[in-house]
């Protein structure tokens, strides 16, 4: 993937305009965290340069799906820890999952 980490970090900032990240009181600079993640992802993409396009896309999709799942689980855990209700979207998703178990 021919993208530089700084370009990827810039794209991340653009996406965050629509869906901001709450960095809370982490003892790290937001831009440093973005750059760290962007560098890691660019290294990961470079390691897949011998993969077919389909395998590369499937791998990146699997990694993205895992990260979204992890983020959702952490979000729900934080809400529950603080006794707060989950949002309507999360509640609808959890209701769908409960129906599958019945």
C-alpha atoms as a PDB file:
ATOM      1  CA  UNK A   1       0.000   0.000   0.000  1.00  0.00           C
ATOM      2  CA  UNK A   2       1.813   3.128  -1.149  1.00  0.00           C
ATOM      3  CA  UNK A   3       0.711   5.531   1.582  1.00  0.00           C
ATOM      4  CA  UNK A   4       3.004   7.265   4.014  1.00  0.00           C
ATOM      5  CA  UNK A   5       2.194   7.112   7.726  1.00  0.00           C
ATOM      6  CA  UNK A   6       1.815  10.898   7.895  1.00  0.00           C
ATOM      7  CA  UNK A   7      -0.721  10.796   5.048  1.00  0.00           C
ATOM      8  CA  UNK A   8      -2.646   8.031   6.789  1.00  0.00           C
ATOM      9  CA  UNK A   9      -2.605  10.026  10.039  1.00  0.00           C
ATOM     10  CA  UNK A  10      -4.019  13.013   8.121  1.00  0.00           C
ATOM     11  CA  UNK A  11      -6.814  10.802   6.755  1.00  0.00           C
ATOM     12  CA  UNK A  12      -7.506   9.585  10.273  1.00  0.00           C
ATOM     13  CA  UNK A  13      -7.913  13.199  11.430  1.00  0.00           C
ATOM     14  CA  UNK A  14     -10.365  13.816   8.563  1.00  0.00           C
ATOM     15  CA  UNK A  15     -12.456  10.794   9.560  1.00  0.00           C
ATOM     16  CA  UNK A  16     -12.423  12.008  13.158  1.00  0.00           C
ATOM     17  CA  UNK A  17     -14.097  15.242  12.095  1.00  0.00           C
ATOM     18  CA  UNK A  18     -17.254  13.197  11.507  1.00  0.00           C
ATOM     19  CA  UNK A  19     -16.722  10.739  14.379  1.00  0.00           C
ATOM     20  CA  UNK A  20     -14.385  12.202  17.043  1.00  0.00           C
ATOM     21  CA  UNK A  21     -12.396  10.013  19.404  1.00  0.00           C
ATOM     22  CA  UNK A  22     -12.592  10.744  23.117  1.00  0.00           C
ATOM     23  CA  UNK A  23      -8.962  10.542  24.200  1.00  0.00           C
ATOM     24  CA  UNK A  24     -10.088  11.480  27.739  1.00  0.00           C
ATOM     25  CA  UNK A  25      -7.110  12.019  29.988  1.00  0.00           C
ATOM     26  CA  UNK A  26      -4.638   9.641  28.371  1.00  0.00           C
ATOM     27  CA  UNK A  27      -1.063  10.654  29.147  1.00  0.00           C
ATOM     28  CA  UNK A  28      -0.157  10.709  25.447  1.00  0.00           C
ATOM     29  CA  UNK A  29      -0.468  13.352  22.760  1.00  0.00           C
ATOM     30  CA  UNK A  30      -3.308  12.599  20.337  1.00  0.00           C
ATOM     31  CA  UNK A  31      -1.148  13.185  17.256  1.00  0.00           C
ATOM     32  CA  UNK A  32       1.564  10.889  18.604  1.00  0.00           C
ATOM     33  CA  UNK A  33      -0.997   8.111  19.050  1.00  0.00           C
ATOM     34  CA  UNK A  34      -2.323   8.654  15.518  1.00  0.00           C
ATOM     35  CA  UNK A  35       1.201   8.557  14.106  1.00  0.00           C
ATOM     36  CA  UNK A  36       2.006   5.373  16.037  1.00  0.00           C
ATOM     37  CA  UNK A  37      -1.108   3.628  14.722  1.00  0.00           C
ATOM     38  CA  UNK A  38      -0.569   4.929  11.174  1.00  0.00           C
ATOM     39  CA  UNK A  39       3.025   3.687  11.187  1.00  0.00           C
ATOM     40  CA  UNK A  40       1.963   0.285  12.468  1.00  0.00           C
ATOM     41  CA  UNK A  41      -0.741  -0.073   9.820  1.00  0.00           C
ATOM     42  CA  UNK A  42       1.599   1.007   7.029  1.00  0.00           C
ATOM     43  CA  UNK A  43       4.134  -1.591   8.209  1.00  0.00           C
ATOM     44  CA  UNK A  44       1.403  -4.198   8.282  1.00  0.00           C
ATOM     45  CA  UNK A  45       0.287  -3.277   4.766  1.00  0.00           C
ATOM     46  CA  UNK A  46       3.881  -3.418   3.504  1.00  0.00           C
ATOM     47  CA  UNK A  47       4.260  -6.910   4.983  1.00  0.00           C
ATOM     48  CA  UNK A  48       1.338  -7.990   2.795  1.00  0.00           C
ATOM     49  CA  UNK A  49       2.791  -6.725  -0.472  1.00  0.00           C
ATOM     50  CA  UNK A  50       3.216 -10.320  -1.716  1.00  0.00           C
ATOM     51  CA  UNK A  51      -0.438 -11.089  -0.967  1.00  0.00           C
ATOM     52  CA  UNK A  52      -2.936 -11.092  -3.788  1.00  0.00           C
ATOM     53  CA  UNK A  53      -5.229  -8.068  -3.868  1.00  0.00           C
ATOM     54  CA  UNK A  54      -8.122 -10.202  -2.640  1.00  0.00           C
ATOM     55  CA  UNK A  55      -6.095 -11.658   0.251  1.00  0.00           C
ATOM     56  CA  UNK A  56      -4.836  -8.196   1.202  1.00  0.00           C
ATOM     57  CA  UNK A  57      -8.376  -6.798   1.251  1.00  0.00           C
ATOM     58  CA  UNK A  58      -9.681  -9.772   3.226  1.00  0.00           C
ATOM     59  CA  UNK A  59      -6.875  -9.422   5.763  1.00  0.00           C
ATOM     60  CA  UNK A  60      -7.451  -5.686   6.186  1.00  0.00           C
ATOM     61  CA  UNK A  61     -11.196  -6.268   6.470  1.00  0.00           C
ATOM     62  CA  UNK A  62     -10.644  -8.938   9.143  1.00  0.00           C
ATOM     63  CA  UNK A  63      -8.338  -6.618  11.100  1.00  0.00           C
ATOM     64  CA  UNK A  64     -10.871  -3.772  10.805  1.00  0.00           C
ATOM     65  CA  UNK A  65     -13.721  -6.015  11.935  1.00  0.00           C
ATOM     66  CA  UNK A  66     -11.702  -7.192  14.947  1.00  0.00           C
ATOM     67  CA  UNK A  67     -10.918  -3.603  15.927  1.00  0.00           C
ATOM     68  CA  UNK A  68     -14.551  -2.507  15.592  1.00  0.00           C
ATOM     69  CA  UNK A  69     -15.642  -5.460  17.730  1.00  0.00           C
ATOM     70  CA  UNK A  70     -12.977  -4.711  20.329  1.00  0.00           C
ATOM     71  CA  UNK A  71     -13.995  -1.049  20.395  1.00  0.00           C
ATOM     72  CA  UNK A  72     -17.667  -1.964  20.829  1.00  0.00           C
ATOM     73  CA  UNK A  73     -16.901  -4.376  23.683  1.00  0.00           C
ATOM     74  CA  UNK A  74     -14.723  -1.810  25.474  1.00  0.00           C
ATOM     75  CA  UNK A  75     -17.391   0.861  25.002  1.00  0.00           C
ATOM     76  CA  UNK A  76     -20.112  -1.357  26.461  1.00  0.00           C
ATOM     77  CA  UNK A  77     -17.853  -2.329  29.377  1.00  0.00           C
ATOM     78  CA  UNK A  78     -17.167   1.332  30.173  1.00  0.00           C
ATOM     79  CA  UNK A  79     -20.848   2.219  30.045  1.00  0.00           C
ATOM     80  CA  UNK A  80     -21.773  -0.672  32.318  1.00  0.00           C
ATOM     81  CA  UNK A  81     -18.949   0.134  34.732  1.00  0.00           C
ATOM     82  CA  UNK A  82     -20.354   3.637  35.110  1.00  0.00           C
ATOM     83  CA  UNK A  83     -23.989   2.491  35.228  1.00  0.00           C
ATOM     84  CA  UNK A  84     -24.848   4.266  31.979  1.00  0.00           C
ATOM     85  CA  UNK A  85     -27.235   2.948  29.326  1.00  0.00           C
ATOM     86  CA  UNK A  86     -25.896   1.916  25.943  1.00  0.00           C
ATOM     87  CA  UNK A  87     -27.002   3.897  22.904  1.00  0.00           C
ATOM     88  CA  UNK A  88     -29.974   2.935  20.744  1.00  0.00           C
ATOM     89  CA  UNK A  89     -27.751   1.483  18.009  1.00  0.00           C
ATOM     90  CA  UNK A  90     -25.864  -0.747  20.435  1.00  0.00           C
ATOM     91  CA  UNK A  91     -29.084  -1.776  22.186  1.00  0.00           C
ATOM     92  CA  UNK A  92     -30.635  -2.729  18.814  1.00  0.00           C
ATOM     93  CA  UNK A  93     -27.553  -4.790  17.956  1.00  0.00           C
ATOM     94  CA  UNK A  94     -27.582  -6.528  21.333  1.00  0.00           C
ATOM     95  CA  UNK A  95     -31.320  -7.261  20.931  1.00  0.00           C
ATOM     96  CA  UNK A  96     -30.611  -8.877  17.551  1.00  0.00           C
ATOM     97  CA  UNK A  97     -27.913 -11.012  19.135  1.00  0.00           C
ATOM     98  CA  UNK A  98     -30.241 -12.055  21.968  1.00  0.00           C
ATOM     99  CA  UNK A  99     -32.895 -13.143  19.433  1.00  0.00           C
ATOM    100  CA  UNK A 100     -30.346 -15.425  17.752  1.00  0.00           C
ATOM    101  CA  UNK A 101     -29.681 -17.164  21.067  1.00  0.00           C
ATOM    102  CA  UNK A 102     -33.388 -17.913  21.631  1.00  0.00           C
END
